[in-house]
Structure formats: C-alpha cells, structure tokens
Amino acid sequence: MRARYGVPLGITALGAAGVAYAAGFEARSFRLRRVSVPVLPRGANPLRVLQVSDIHMVCGQRKKQRWLRSLAGLRPDFVVNTGDNLSDPDGVPELLDALGPLMDFPGVYVFGSNDYYGPKLRNPARYLFEKLQGRHGLNGNPPAVGAVHNPWEGIRDAFDAAGWLDLTNARGRLKVEGLELAFTGLDDPHIKRDRYEKVAGGPEADADLSVGVVHAPYLRSLDAFTADGYPLVLAGHTHGGQLCVPFYGALVTNCDIDTDRAKGLSTHRAGGRTAHLHVSAGCGTNRYTPVRFACPPEATLLTLTPRD
C-alpha cells in the first residue's frame, strides 16, 4: 500500500505546502526594492521617488496597511502610484487610510483596470493560454460583460484633494527640490483606455526631467513614450509574474511585454531612442488568487541621479 499511494500523497502534501507558503507567507512578505536611475541634469541633487503599485486592497488586510503607512518613513521627495489600488469595492476607506501618510508628499497617479472594475474568479492557467494565443486583457479578447464597477471616484477625489496630479491621459508638473519635473500619463492600455494622441509631443523643453507614467506596460505605450524622447517610464500591472519559477523568473506578464522585463529596471528602445523602464511587481494580488511564489510583494524607492 505504501508503494502504491506514497508518491501521490507526497506530491499532494508538497503542493499543499507550496500553496500555504505562497498564500500565508510570501504574499505577506513585503519588500522594498531600491534602484538608481541616471536621468537628472548634471549637477542636480539626487531625488528619491517612491513607486507604489497594484495594492489590490481587500478589507481586513491589516499587515499590508501597516506596511504601506510605514513607507512614509522613507521621506521620499515624491510618490508615483501606478494603479490597481483595489480588489474589493468596500476597500476604499482602508486604502486611503493606508496611503494617508504618503499623501503628505507630492505625488502623481494613474489608474489601472482594477480601480475601475472588480476582479473575477478565473483559472490562473488562462494567463498562459492567452499568452500563447497573443491575447491580453481587452487587447484581442472580447469586451468584459457583467463587470463589477468599483467606486474609483472616491480614490480620485482623495488623491486630488491631497494635491496628487491625475495623469489620466494628461500632463502635469511638479517642482521638487528646485527641479521642474514634467509628467505625461496614460489611462490603462489593458482595457484600451489609453489615448496617447491627447498627450503626444514629447518631453517639455523647459523641464529638468520628463517622465512617462502608465499602469500596464504594453509595447504600444512604451514605444510611444520612448520614440518621443522620454528618458524614464514607470509602470506596474505585471505583478512581476506573481507565480514565478525559482532561478528562472516569470512565465507570464499579462500584457505583451517580455517576461525578462516583468519587474525591475531595464531599458526600452523605439524610434532610435532608449528609455529607462521601471516595472513594479506591486504589493498585492487579485483577491481570488491571493498567492505569490518566488516574487514577493514590493514597493520601489528609485533614486534619480545626474546623467553621466
């Protein structure tokens, strides 16, 4: 009997242990990524930028809320929120409470699909099948039917009241530490709300730095920002692959960017130009798949330094 049933029982036990680790430990093992990006004018003092993304707040996530509040202790020069703040229509008050200390700093934001619409239960294997078929989000898939509408307006109003700049297919500027910073943002390409033609034209000539901001790093958006001459683009959405293979990395990105750039700092080339690209792995998950493996939840502190 042992020879017959030992292996299946062992595999089942190993699988259960893996799920317990991915849901009970790693999905709550919050980290801070630190990177430096040489994009400022020569002679400028470094700037510290905190990027938060893909929070996917669900009511009762106390540890995540405490961790988000603690990030204010980093004293960033400004904050960039790259969207997907919700995974629970009732989570807005807890989200705003968690982000409250960060809203004391200058900031900019864009929204993602999960700010507008509630998540649905779906088989994670579908992401692999869709990748093989070249389908991502509404880009090649049928329109969503019967989607739950999230109360995103309350998030927008709170961010705006704090002085954060709404970059929903829009431009905005901040003056930070004596530097003029220009931002160009897009609404979420994952659900075809991006309208680059409304913000086209490239960096602002009188700004010390121009930054592109978008939730989902679809190639059409990255190509547009890069070809127009933006030296830095910030994005989220991918969750870093969320369920990764140790020593290999992400299997999917849930968009058309390659898995080698599913998270962290890289470069993007288009139109004969090169931009620095940072993709945040985010600090949350869809409420129906609350697991991470070999891809801890994170925020990023980017130190912007002078160009060589």
C-alpha atoms as a PDB file:
ATOM      1  CA  MET A   1       0.000   0.000   0.000  1.00  0.00           C
ATOM      2  CA  ARG A   2       2.839   2.425   0.754  1.00  0.00           C
ATOM      3  CA  ALA A   3       4.427   1.775  -2.638  1.00  0.00           C
ATOM      4  CA  ARG A   4       1.123   2.366  -4.368  1.00  0.00           C
ATOM      5  CA  TYR A   5      -0.048   5.529  -2.603  1.00  0.00           C
ATOM      6  CA  GLY A   6       3.128   7.057  -1.133  1.00  0.00           C
ATOM      7  CA  VAL A   7       4.147   9.108  -4.176  1.00  0.00           C
ATOM      8  CA  PRO A   8       0.711  10.678  -4.889  1.00  0.00           C
ATOM      9  CA  LEU A   9       0.284  11.501  -1.202  1.00  0.00           C
ATOM     10  CA  GLY A  10       3.766  13.028  -1.125  1.00  0.00           C
ATOM     11  CA  ILE A  11       3.027  15.172  -4.191  1.00  0.00           C
ATOM     12  CA  THR A  12      -0.270  16.298  -2.658  1.00  0.00           C
ATOM     13  CA  ALA A  13       1.445  17.219   0.603  1.00  0.00           C
ATOM     14  CA  LEU A  14       4.174  19.106  -1.266  1.00  0.00           C
ATOM     15  CA  GLY A  15       1.585  21.003  -3.307  1.00  0.00           C
ATOM     16  CA  ALA A  16      -0.373  21.914  -0.178  1.00  0.00           C
ATOM     17  CA  ALA A  17       2.815  23.144   1.483  1.00  0.00           C
ATOM     18  CA  GLY A  18       3.618  25.253  -1.569  1.00  0.00           C
ATOM     19  CA  VAL A  19       0.179  26.863  -1.565  1.00  0.00           C
ATOM     20  CA  ALA A  20       0.415  27.520   2.169  1.00  0.00           C
ATOM     21  CA  TYR A  21       3.792  29.200   1.688  1.00  0.00           C
ATOM     22  CA  ALA A  22       2.656  31.238  -1.329  1.00  0.00           C
ATOM     23  CA  ALA A  23      -0.540  32.450   0.348  1.00  0.00           C
ATOM     24  CA  GLY A  24       0.357  32.501   4.023  1.00  0.00           C
ATOM     25  CA  PHE A  25       3.930  33.792   3.912  1.00  0.00           C
ATOM     26  CA  GLU A  26       5.231  35.148   0.629  1.00  0.00           C
ATOM     27  CA  ALA A  27       2.098  37.117  -0.310  1.00  0.00           C
ATOM     28  CA  ARG A  28       2.517  38.944   3.019  1.00  0.00           C
ATOM     29  CA  SER A  29       6.319  39.247   2.905  1.00  0.00           C
ATOM     30  CA  PHE A  30       6.529  42.886   1.838  1.00  0.00           C
ATOM     31  CA  ARG A  31       9.840  44.183   0.465  1.00  0.00           C
ATOM     32  CA  LEU A  32      11.383  47.439  -0.682  1.00  0.00           C
ATOM     33  CA  ARG A  33      13.273  47.416  -3.970  1.00  0.00           C
ATOM     34  CA  ARG A  34      15.969  50.102  -4.323  1.00  0.00           C
ATOM     35  CA  VAL A  35      17.313  51.217  -7.717  1.00  0.00           C
ATOM     36  CA  SER A  36      19.252  54.182  -9.068  1.00  0.00           C
ATOM     37  CA  VAL A  37      18.463  55.785 -12.426  1.00  0.00           C
ATOM     38  CA  PRO A  38      20.778  58.387 -14.043  1.00  0.00           C
ATOM     39  CA  VAL A  39      18.257  60.763 -15.646  1.00  0.00           C
ATOM     40  CA  LEU A  40      18.713  64.169 -13.944  1.00  0.00           C
ATOM     41  CA  PRO A  41      20.692  67.107 -15.339  1.00  0.00           C
ATOM     42  CA  ARG A  42      24.370  67.278 -14.479  1.00  0.00           C
ATOM     43  CA  GLY A  43      24.986  68.897 -11.120  1.00  0.00           C
ATOM     44  CA  ALA A  44      21.474  68.198  -9.787  1.00  0.00           C
ATOM     45  CA  ASN A  45      20.983  66.730  -6.333  1.00  0.00           C
ATOM     46  CA  PRO A  46      19.513  63.190  -6.307  1.00  0.00           C
ATOM     47  CA  LEU A  47      15.752  62.771  -5.917  1.00  0.00           C
ATOM     48  CA  ARG A  48      14.084  59.888  -4.068  1.00  0.00           C
ATOM     49  CA  VAL A  49      10.925  58.598  -5.722  1.00  0.00           C
ATOM     50  CA  LEU A  50       8.634  56.048  -4.089  1.00  0.00           C
ATOM     51  CA  GLN A  51       6.627  53.972  -6.565  1.00  0.00           C
ATOM     52  CA  VAL A  52       3.660  52.020  -5.221  1.00  0.00           C
ATOM     53  CA  SER A  53       1.557  49.839  -7.487  1.00  0.00           C
ATOM     54  CA  ASP A  54      -1.027  47.063  -7.634  1.00  0.00           C
ATOM     55  CA  ILE A  55      -2.054  47.349  -3.999  1.00  0.00           C
ATOM     56  CA  HIS A  56      -5.310  45.464  -4.723  1.00  0.00           C
ATOM     57  CA  MET A  57      -6.653  46.381  -1.285  1.00  0.00           C
ATOM     58  CA  VAL A  58      -9.109  43.974   0.325  1.00  0.00           C
ATOM     59  CA  CYS A  59     -10.869  44.797   3.587  1.00  0.00           C
ATOM     60  CA  GLY A  60      -9.037  43.423   6.587  1.00  0.00           C
ATOM     61  CA  GLN A  61      -5.516  43.348   5.121  1.00  0.00           C
ATOM     62  CA  ARG A  62      -4.009  44.897   8.266  1.00  0.00           C
ATOM     63  CA  LYS A  63      -0.401  43.902   7.657  1.00  0.00           C
ATOM     64  CA  LYS A  64      -0.420  45.417   4.182  1.00  0.00           C
ATOM     65  CA  GLN A  65      -1.983  48.590   5.542  1.00  0.00           C
ATOM     66  CA  ARG A  66       0.629  48.931   8.289  1.00  0.00           C
ATOM     67  CA  TRP A  67       3.433  48.346   5.793  1.00  0.00           C
ATOM     68  CA  LEU A  68       2.101  50.965   3.383  1.00  0.00           C
ATOM     69  CA  ARG A  69       1.814  53.515   6.185  1.00  0.00           C
ATOM     70  CA  SER A  70       5.387  52.747   7.251  1.00  0.00           C
ATOM     71  CA  LEU A  71       6.725  53.728   3.802  1.00  0.00           C
ATOM     72  CA  ALA A  72       6.215  57.364   4.730  1.00  0.00           C
ATOM     73  CA  GLY A  73       9.249  56.936   6.989  1.00  0.00           C
ATOM     74  CA  LEU A  74      11.389  56.838   3.834  1.00  0.00           C
ATOM     75  CA  ARG A  75      10.635  60.552   3.351  1.00  0.00           C
ATOM     76  CA  PRO A  76      10.501  60.392  -0.462  1.00  0.00           C
ATOM     77  CA  ASP A  77      10.703  63.573  -2.489  1.00  0.00           C
ATOM     78  CA  PHE A  78       7.577  62.489  -4.334  1.00  0.00           C
ATOM     79  CA  VAL A  79       5.324  59.451  -4.845  1.00  0.00           C
ATOM     80  CA  VAL A  80       4.179  57.734  -8.041  1.00  0.00           C
ATOM     81  CA  ASN A  81       1.117  55.475  -7.826  1.00  0.00           C
ATOM     82  CA  THR A  82       0.792  53.313 -10.940  1.00  0.00           C
ATOM     83  CA  GLY A  83      -2.701  51.984 -10.297  1.00  0.00           C
ATOM     84  CA  ASP A  84      -4.775  48.904  -9.441  1.00  0.00           C
ATOM     85  CA  ASN A  85      -5.403  50.117  -5.912  1.00  0.00           C
ATOM     86  CA  LEU A  86      -8.495  47.962  -5.278  1.00  0.00           C
ATOM     87  CA  SER A  87      -9.591  44.343  -5.234  1.00  0.00           C
ATOM     88  CA  ASP A  88     -12.652  44.959  -3.061  1.00  0.00           C
ATOM     89  CA  PRO A  89     -15.383  47.538  -3.761  1.00  0.00           C
ATOM     90  CA  ASP A  90     -15.595  48.147   0.006  1.00  0.00           C
ATOM     91  CA  GLY A  91     -11.843  48.661   0.378  1.00  0.00           C
ATOM     92  CA  VAL A  92     -11.634  52.387  -0.400  1.00  0.00           C
ATOM     93  CA  PRO A  93     -11.601  53.641   3.240  1.00  0.00           C
ATOM     94  CA  GLU A  94      -8.866  51.189   4.231  1.00  0.00           C
ATOM     95  CA  LEU A  95      -6.870  52.008   1.098  1.00  0.00           C
ATOM     96  CA  LEU A  96      -6.986  55.733   1.808  1.00  0.00           C
ATOM     97  CA  ASP A  97      -6.111  55.173   5.458  1.00  0.00           C
ATOM     98  CA  ALA A  98      -3.060  53.122   4.416  1.00  0.00           C
ATOM     99  CA  LEU A  99      -1.932  55.719   1.862  1.00  0.00           C
ATOM    100  CA  GLY A 100      -2.763  58.690   4.086  1.00  0.00           C
ATOM    101  CA  PRO A 101       0.793  59.316   5.358  1.00  0.00           C
ATOM    102  CA  LEU A 102       2.156  59.115   1.795  1.00  0.00           C
ATOM    103  CA  MET A 103      -0.355  61.701   0.603  1.00  0.00           C
ATOM    104  CA  ASP A 104       1.510  64.258   2.693  1.00  0.00           C
ATOM    105  CA  PHE A 105       4.200  64.156  -0.025  1.00  0.00           C
ATOM    106  CA  PRO A 106       3.878  65.440  -3.593  1.00  0.00           C
ATOM    107  CA  GLY A 107       2.595  62.750  -5.914  1.00  0.00           C
ATOM    108  CA  VAL A 108       1.177  61.685  -9.268  1.00  0.00           C
ATOM    109  CA  TYR A 109      -1.084  58.776 -10.220  1.00  0.00           C
ATOM    110  CA  VAL A 110      -2.712  56.783 -12.981  1.00  0.00           C
ATOM    111  CA  PHE A 111      -5.430  54.162 -12.634  1.00  0.00           C
ATOM    112  CA  GLY A 112      -5.494  50.516 -13.694  1.00  0.00           C
ATOM    113  CA  SER A 113      -8.363  48.279 -14.733  1.00  0.00           C
ATOM    114  CA  ASN A 114      -8.939  47.076 -11.162  1.00  0.00           C
ATOM    115  CA  ASP A 115      -9.543  50.607  -9.981  1.00  0.00           C
ATOM    116  CA  TYR A 116     -12.496  50.756 -12.370  1.00  0.00           C
ATOM    117  CA  TYR A 117     -13.721  47.146 -12.279  1.00  0.00           C
ATOM    118  CA  GLY A 118     -13.842  44.425  -9.647  1.00  0.00           C
ATOM    119  CA  PRO A 119     -11.903  41.189 -10.226  1.00  0.00           C
ATOM    120  CA  LYS A 120     -13.418  37.926 -11.387  1.00  0.00           C
ATOM    121  CA  LEU A 121     -12.594  34.377 -10.408  1.00  0.00           C
ATOM    122  CA  ARG A 122     -10.558  32.817 -13.212  1.00  0.00           C
ATOM    123  CA  ASN A 123      -8.205  29.888 -13.668  1.00  0.00           C
ATOM    124  CA  PRO A 124      -4.588  31.178 -13.462  1.00  0.00           C
ATOM    125  CA  ALA A 125      -3.684  28.778 -16.297  1.00  0.00           C
ATOM    126  CA  ARG A 126      -5.699  31.014 -18.624  1.00  0.00           C
ATOM    127  CA  TYR A 127      -2.901  33.584 -18.492  1.00  0.00           C
ATOM    128  CA  LEU A 128      -0.579  31.015 -20.066  1.00  0.00           C
ATOM    129  CA  PHE A 129      -3.118  30.069 -22.728  1.00  0.00           C
ATOM    130  CA  GLU A 130      -3.792  33.722 -23.559  1.00  0.00           C
ATOM    131  CA  LYS A 131      -0.062  34.414 -23.801  1.00  0.00           C
ATOM    132  CA  LEU A 132       0.353  31.557 -26.290  1.00  0.00           C
ATOM    133  CA  GLN A 133      -2.564  32.931 -28.332  1.00  0.00           C
ATOM    134  CA  GLY A 134      -1.318  36.533 -28.179  1.00  0.00           C
ATOM    135  CA  ARG A 135      -4.351  37.777 -26.249  1.00  0.00           C
ATOM    136  CA  HIS A 136      -4.074  40.123 -23.256  1.00  0.00           C
ATOM    137  CA  GLY A 137      -6.837  41.971 -21.391  1.00  0.00           C
ATOM    138  CA  LEU A 138      -9.270  43.558 -23.839  1.00  0.00           C
ATOM    139  CA  ASN A 139      -6.458  43.703 -26.391  1.00  0.00           C
ATOM    140  CA  GLY A 140      -7.678  40.827 -28.537  1.00  0.00           C
ATOM    141  CA  ASN A 141     -10.225  39.436 -26.072  1.00  0.00           C
ATOM    142  CA  PRO A 142     -13.983  40.029 -26.138  1.00  0.00           C
ATOM    143  CA  PRO A 143     -15.247  43.005 -24.075  1.00  0.00           C
ATOM    144  CA  ALA A 144     -15.952  42.302 -20.405  1.00  0.00           C
ATOM    145  CA  VAL A 145     -19.580  41.504 -19.617  1.00  0.00           C
ATOM    146  CA  GLY A 146     -21.245  41.943 -16.226  1.00  0.00           C
ATOM    147  CA  ALA A 147     -18.181  43.538 -14.621  1.00  0.00           C
ATOM    148  CA  VAL A 148     -18.472  44.941 -11.093  1.00  0.00           C
ATOM    149  CA  HIS A 149     -17.880  48.698 -11.085  1.00  0.00           C
ATOM    150  CA  ASN A 150     -15.562  49.886  -8.331  1.00  0.00           C
ATOM    151  CA  PRO A 151     -16.065  53.255  -6.574  1.00  0.00           C
ATOM    152  CA  TRP A 152     -12.899  54.726  -8.113  1.00  0.00           C
ATOM    153  CA  GLU A 153     -14.228  58.269  -7.928  1.00  0.00           C
ATOM    154  CA  GLY A 154     -13.631  58.333  -4.158  1.00  0.00           C
ATOM    155  CA  ILE A 155      -9.981  57.412  -4.692  1.00  0.00           C
ATOM    156  CA  ARG A 156      -9.582  60.095  -7.356  1.00  0.00           C
ATOM    157  CA  ASP A 157     -11.175  62.751  -5.167  1.00  0.00           C
ATOM    158  CA  ALA A 158      -8.939  61.891  -2.190  1.00  0.00           C
ATOM    159  CA  PHE A 159      -5.784  61.876  -4.309  1.00  0.00           C
ATOM    160  CA  ASP A 160      -6.740  65.181  -5.911  1.00  0.00           C
ATOM    161  CA  ALA A 161      -7.527  66.739  -2.527  1.00  0.00           C
ATOM    162  CA  ALA A 162      -4.055  65.746  -1.341  1.00  0.00           C
ATOM    163  CA  GLY A 163      -2.542  67.559  -4.309  1.00  0.00           C
ATOM    164  CA  TRP A 164      -1.537  64.476  -6.282  1.00  0.00           C
ATOM    165  CA  LEU A 165      -1.625  65.009 -10.038  1.00  0.00           C
ATOM    166  CA  ASP A 166      -4.138  62.987 -12.058  1.00  0.00           C
ATOM    167  CA  LEU A 167      -2.278  61.773 -15.162  1.00  0.00           C
ATOM    168  CA  THR A 168      -5.253  60.060 -16.804  1.00  0.00           C
ATOM    169  CA  ASN A 169      -4.345  60.743 -20.439  1.00  0.00           C
ATOM    170  CA  ALA A 170      -2.953  64.020 -19.155  1.00  0.00           C
ATOM    171  CA  ARG A 171       0.178  66.010 -18.406  1.00  0.00           C
ATOM    172  CA  GLY A 172       1.211  67.628 -15.135  1.00  0.00           C
ATOM    173  CA  ARG A 173       4.168  69.277 -13.431  1.00  0.00           C
ATOM    174  CA  LEU A 174       5.774  69.308 -10.005  1.00  0.00           C
ATOM    175  CA  LYS A 175       8.584  71.445  -8.652  1.00  0.00           C
ATOM    176  CA  VAL A 176      10.667  69.331  -6.313  1.00  0.00           C
ATOM    177  CA  GLU A 177      13.920  70.370  -4.659  1.00  0.00           C
ATOM    178  CA  GLY A 178      14.282  73.200  -7.156  1.00  0.00           C
ATOM    179  CA  LEU A 179      13.805  70.948 -10.197  1.00  0.00           C
ATOM    180  CA  GLU A 180      10.970  71.253 -12.694  1.00  0.00           C
ATOM    181  CA  LEU A 181       9.513  67.775 -13.256  1.00  0.00           C
ATOM    182  CA  ALA A 182       7.064  67.131 -16.090  1.00  0.00           C
ATOM    183  CA  PHE A 183       4.856  64.030 -16.215  1.00  0.00           C
ATOM    184  CA  THR A 184       2.855  62.523 -19.045  1.00  0.00           C
ATOM    185  CA  GLY A 185       0.394  59.780 -18.153  1.00  0.00           C
ATOM    186  CA  LEU A 186      -1.932  57.337 -19.860  1.00  0.00           C
ATOM    187  CA  ASP A 187      -5.096  55.602 -18.760  1.00  0.00           C
ATOM    188  CA  ASP A 188      -4.837  51.809 -18.685  1.00  0.00           C
ATOM    189  CA  PRO A 189      -3.884  50.183 -22.016  1.00  0.00           C
ATOM    190  CA  HIS A 190      -5.027  46.810 -20.629  1.00  0.00           C
ATOM    191  CA  ILE A 191      -8.631  47.890 -21.162  1.00  0.00           C
ATOM    192  CA  LYS A 192      -7.915  50.156 -24.146  1.00  0.00           C
ATOM    193  CA  ARG A 193      -8.396  53.447 -22.287  1.00  0.00           C
ATOM    194  CA  ASP A 194      -5.012  54.869 -23.326  1.00  0.00           C
ATOM    195  CA  ARG A 195      -5.170  57.907 -25.623  1.00  0.00           C
ATOM    196  CA  TYR A 196      -1.602  58.825 -26.446  1.00  0.00           C
ATOM    197  CA  GLU A 197      -2.713  61.239 -29.159  1.00  0.00           C
ATOM    198  CA  LYS A 198      -4.066  63.520 -26.401  1.00  0.00           C
ATOM    199  CA  VAL A 199      -0.645  63.884 -24.767  1.00  0.00           C
ATOM    200  CA  ALA A 200       1.747  63.376 -27.689  1.00  0.00           C
ATOM    201  CA  GLY A 201       4.546  65.809 -28.342  1.00  0.00           C
ATOM    202  CA  GLY A 202       7.370  64.521 -26.203  1.00  0.00           C
ATOM    203  CA  PRO A 203       9.147  65.966 -23.177  1.00  0.00           C
ATOM    204  CA  GLU A 204       8.658  69.599 -22.206  1.00  0.00           C
ATOM    205  CA  ALA A 205      11.643  71.655 -23.254  1.00  0.00           C
ATOM    206  CA  ASP A 206      11.783  73.773 -20.100  1.00  0.00           C
ATOM    207  CA  ALA A 207      11.543  70.818 -17.683  1.00  0.00           C
ATOM    208  CA  ASP A 208      14.579  69.335 -15.947  1.00  0.00           C
ATOM    209  CA  LEU A 209      13.083  65.844 -16.332  1.00  0.00           C
ATOM    210  CA  SER A 210      10.072  64.407 -18.158  1.00  0.00           C
ATOM    211  CA  VAL A 211       8.625  61.059 -17.035  1.00  0.00           C
ATOM    212  CA  GLY A 212       6.091  58.776 -18.703  1.00  0.00           C
ATOM    213  CA  VAL A 213       3.625  57.016 -16.379  1.00  0.00           C
ATOM    214  CA  VAL A 214       1.275  54.157 -17.287  1.00  0.00           C
ATOM    215  CA  HIS A 215      -0.298  51.240 -15.456  1.00  0.00           C
ATOM    216  CA  ALA A 216       0.184  48.349 -17.892  1.00  0.00           C
ATOM    217  CA  PRO A 217       3.470  48.323 -19.859  1.00  0.00           C
ATOM    218  CA  TYR A 218       2.027  47.462 -23.257  1.00  0.00           C
ATOM    219  CA  LEU A 219       4.551  47.854 -26.038  1.00  0.00           C
ATOM    220  CA  ARG A 220       2.499  50.449 -27.910  1.00  0.00           C
ATOM    221  CA  SER A 221       2.688  52.765 -24.901  1.00  0.00           C
ATOM    222  CA  LEU A 222       6.364  52.103 -24.215  1.00  0.00           C
ATOM    223  CA  ASP A 223       7.168  52.622 -27.904  1.00  0.00           C
ATOM    224  CA  ALA A 224       5.307  55.938 -27.965  1.00  0.00           C
ATOM    225  CA  PHE A 225       6.980  57.300 -24.835  1.00  0.00           C
ATOM    226  CA  THR A 226      10.425  56.155 -25.925  1.00  0.00           C
ATOM    227  CA  ALA A 227      10.216  57.332 -29.533  1.00  0.00           C
ATOM    228  CA  ASP A 228       9.051  60.732 -28.289  1.00  0.00           C
ATOM    229  CA  GLY A 229      12.195  61.009 -26.161  1.00  0.00           C
ATOM    230  CA  TYR A 230      11.117  60.336 -22.568  1.00  0.00           C
ATOM    231  CA  PRO A 231      14.177  59.214 -20.591  1.00  0.00           C
ATOM    232  CA  LEU A 232      12.158  57.374 -17.902  1.00  0.00           C
ATOM    233  CA  VAL A 233       8.904  55.389 -17.948  1.00  0.00           C
ATOM    234  CA  LEU A 234       7.233  53.938 -14.841  1.00  0.00           C
ATOM    235  CA  ALA A 235       4.647  51.132 -14.927  1.00  0.00           C
ATOM    236  CA  GLY A 236       3.128  48.300 -12.885  1.00  0.00           C
ATOM    237  CA  HIS A 237       0.421  45.714 -13.676  1.00  0.00           C
ATOM    238  CA  THR A 238       2.558  42.590 -14.191  1.00  0.00           C
ATOM    239  CA  HIS A 239       2.849  41.566 -10.504  1.00  0.00           C
ATOM    240  CA  GLY A 240       6.346  40.518 -11.581  1.00  0.00           C
ATOM    241  CA  GLY A 241       4.757  37.355 -12.935  1.00  0.00           C
ATOM    242  CA  GLN A 242       3.237  36.623  -9.472  1.00  0.00           C
ATOM    243  CA  LEU A 243       3.837  32.867  -9.706  1.00  0.00           C
ATOM    244  CA  CYS A 244       7.438  32.527 -10.823  1.00  0.00           C
ATOM    245  CA  VAL A 245       9.899  29.684 -11.226  1.00  0.00           C
ATOM    246  CA  PRO A 246      12.911  29.945  -8.893  1.00  0.00           C
ATOM    247  CA  PHE A 247      16.148  30.777 -10.761  1.00  0.00           C
ATOM    248  CA  TYR A 248      14.123  31.250 -13.962  1.00  0.00           C
ATOM    249  CA  GLY A 249      11.614  34.031 -13.344  1.00  0.00           C
ATOM    250  CA  ALA A 250       8.213  34.984 -14.680  1.00  0.00           C
ATOM    251  CA  LEU A 251       6.155  32.811 -17.002  1.00  0.00           C
ATOM    252  CA  VAL A 252       3.597  35.500 -17.906  1.00  0.00           C
ATOM    253  CA  THR A 253       3.244  39.286 -17.717  1.00  0.00           C
ATOM    254  CA  ASN A 254      -0.494  39.648 -18.526  1.00  0.00           C
ATOM    255  CA  CYS A 255       0.455  42.043 -21.330  1.00  0.00           C
ATOM    256  CA  ASP A 256       2.723  41.948 -24.366  1.00  0.00           C
ATOM    257  CA  ILE A 257       5.987  42.920 -22.659  1.00  0.00           C
ATOM    258  CA  ASP A 258       8.527  40.094 -22.447  1.00  0.00           C
ATOM    259  CA  THR A 259       8.958  38.149 -19.213  1.00  0.00           C
ATOM    260  CA  ASP A 260      12.595  39.263 -18.826  1.00  0.00           C
ATOM    261  CA  ARG A 261      11.242  42.730 -18.011  1.00  0.00           C
ATOM    262  CA  ALA A 262       8.345  41.633 -15.815  1.00  0.00           C
ATOM    263  CA  LYS A 263       9.759  43.631 -12.909  1.00  0.00           C
ATOM    264  CA  GLY A 264      12.605  45.931 -12.020  1.00  0.00           C
ATOM    265  CA  LEU A 265      14.754  48.349 -14.010  1.00  0.00           C
ATOM    266  CA  SER A 266      15.528  47.723 -17.672  1.00  0.00           C
ATOM    267  CA  THR A 267      15.636  49.681 -20.914  1.00  0.00           C
ATOM    268  CA  HIS A 268      13.284  50.066 -23.839  1.00  0.00           C
ATOM    269  CA  ARG A 269      14.215  51.033 -27.396  1.00  0.00           C
ATOM    270  CA  ALA A 270      11.981  52.533 -30.066  1.00  0.00           C
ATOM    271  CA  GLY A 271      12.375  55.080 -32.823  1.00  0.00           C
ATOM    272  CA  GLY A 272      16.142  55.090 -32.473  1.00  0.00           C
ATOM    273  CA  ARG A 273      15.940  56.152 -28.839  1.00  0.00           C
ATOM    274  CA  THR A 274      16.360  54.406 -25.483  1.00  0.00           C
ATOM    275  CA  ALA A 275      14.438  54.957 -22.235  1.00  0.00           C
ATOM    276  CA  HIS A 276      14.903  53.614 -18.746  1.00  0.00           C
ATOM    277  CA  LEU A 277      11.874  51.484 -17.807  1.00  0.00           C
ATOM    278  CA  HIS A 278      10.910  50.501 -14.297  1.00  0.00           C
ATOM    279  CA  VAL A 279       8.108  47.974 -13.824  1.00  0.00           C
ATOM    280  CA  SER A 280       6.907  47.483 -10.259  1.00  0.00           C
ATOM    281  CA  ALA A 281       5.970  43.961  -9.197  1.00  0.00           C
ATOM    282  CA  GLY A 282       3.374  45.576  -6.933  1.00  0.00           C
ATOM    283  CA  CYS A 283       2.355  44.682  -3.412  1.00  0.00           C
ATOM    284  CA  GLY A 284      -0.961  42.897  -3.863  1.00  0.00           C
ATOM    285  CA  THR A 285      -2.860  40.203  -5.731  1.00  0.00           C
ATOM    286  CA  ASN A 286      -6.299  39.603  -7.146  1.00  0.00           C
ATOM    287  CA  ARG A 287      -8.483  38.699  -4.154  1.00  0.00           C
ATOM    288  CA  TYR A 288      -9.360  35.359  -5.785  1.00  0.00           C
ATOM    289  CA  THR A 289      -5.714  34.323  -6.269  1.00  0.00           C
ATOM    290  CA  PRO A 290      -4.011  35.627  -3.102  1.00  0.00           C
ATOM    291  CA  VAL A 291      -0.722  33.836  -3.729  1.00  0.00           C
ATOM    292  CA  ARG A 292       2.800  34.759  -4.783  1.00  0.00           C
ATOM    293  CA  PHE A 293       5.716  32.448  -5.393  1.00  0.00           C
ATOM    294  CA  ALA A 294       9.352  33.478  -5.949  1.00  0.00           C
ATOM    295  CA  CYS A 295       8.037  37.018  -6.395  1.00  0.00           C
ATOM    296  CA  PRO A 296       7.484  38.857  -3.085  1.00  0.00           C
ATOM    297  CA  PRO A 297       5.205  41.914  -2.946  1.00  0.00           C
ATOM    298  CA  GLU A 298       7.113  45.170  -3.166  1.00  0.00           C
ATOM    299  CA  ALA A 299       7.327  48.912  -3.484  1.00  0.00           C
ATOM    300  CA  THR A 300      10.325  50.645  -5.055  1.00  0.00           C
ATOM    301  CA  LEU A 301      12.480  53.544  -3.932  1.00  0.00           C
ATOM    302  CA  LEU A 302      14.074  54.961  -7.072  1.00  0.00           C
ATOM    303  CA  THR A 303      16.980  57.325  -6.560  1.00  0.00           C
ATOM    304  CA  LEU A 304      17.204  59.629  -9.571  1.00  0.00           C
ATOM    305  CA  THR A 305      20.781  60.747 -10.116  1.00  0.00           C
ATOM    306  CA  PRO A 306      22.533  63.050 -12.634  1.00  0.00           C
ATOM    307  CA  ARG A 307      23.290  61.669 -16.081  1.00  0.00           C
ATOM    308  CA  ASP A 308      26.855  60.678 -16.838  1.00  0.00           C
END
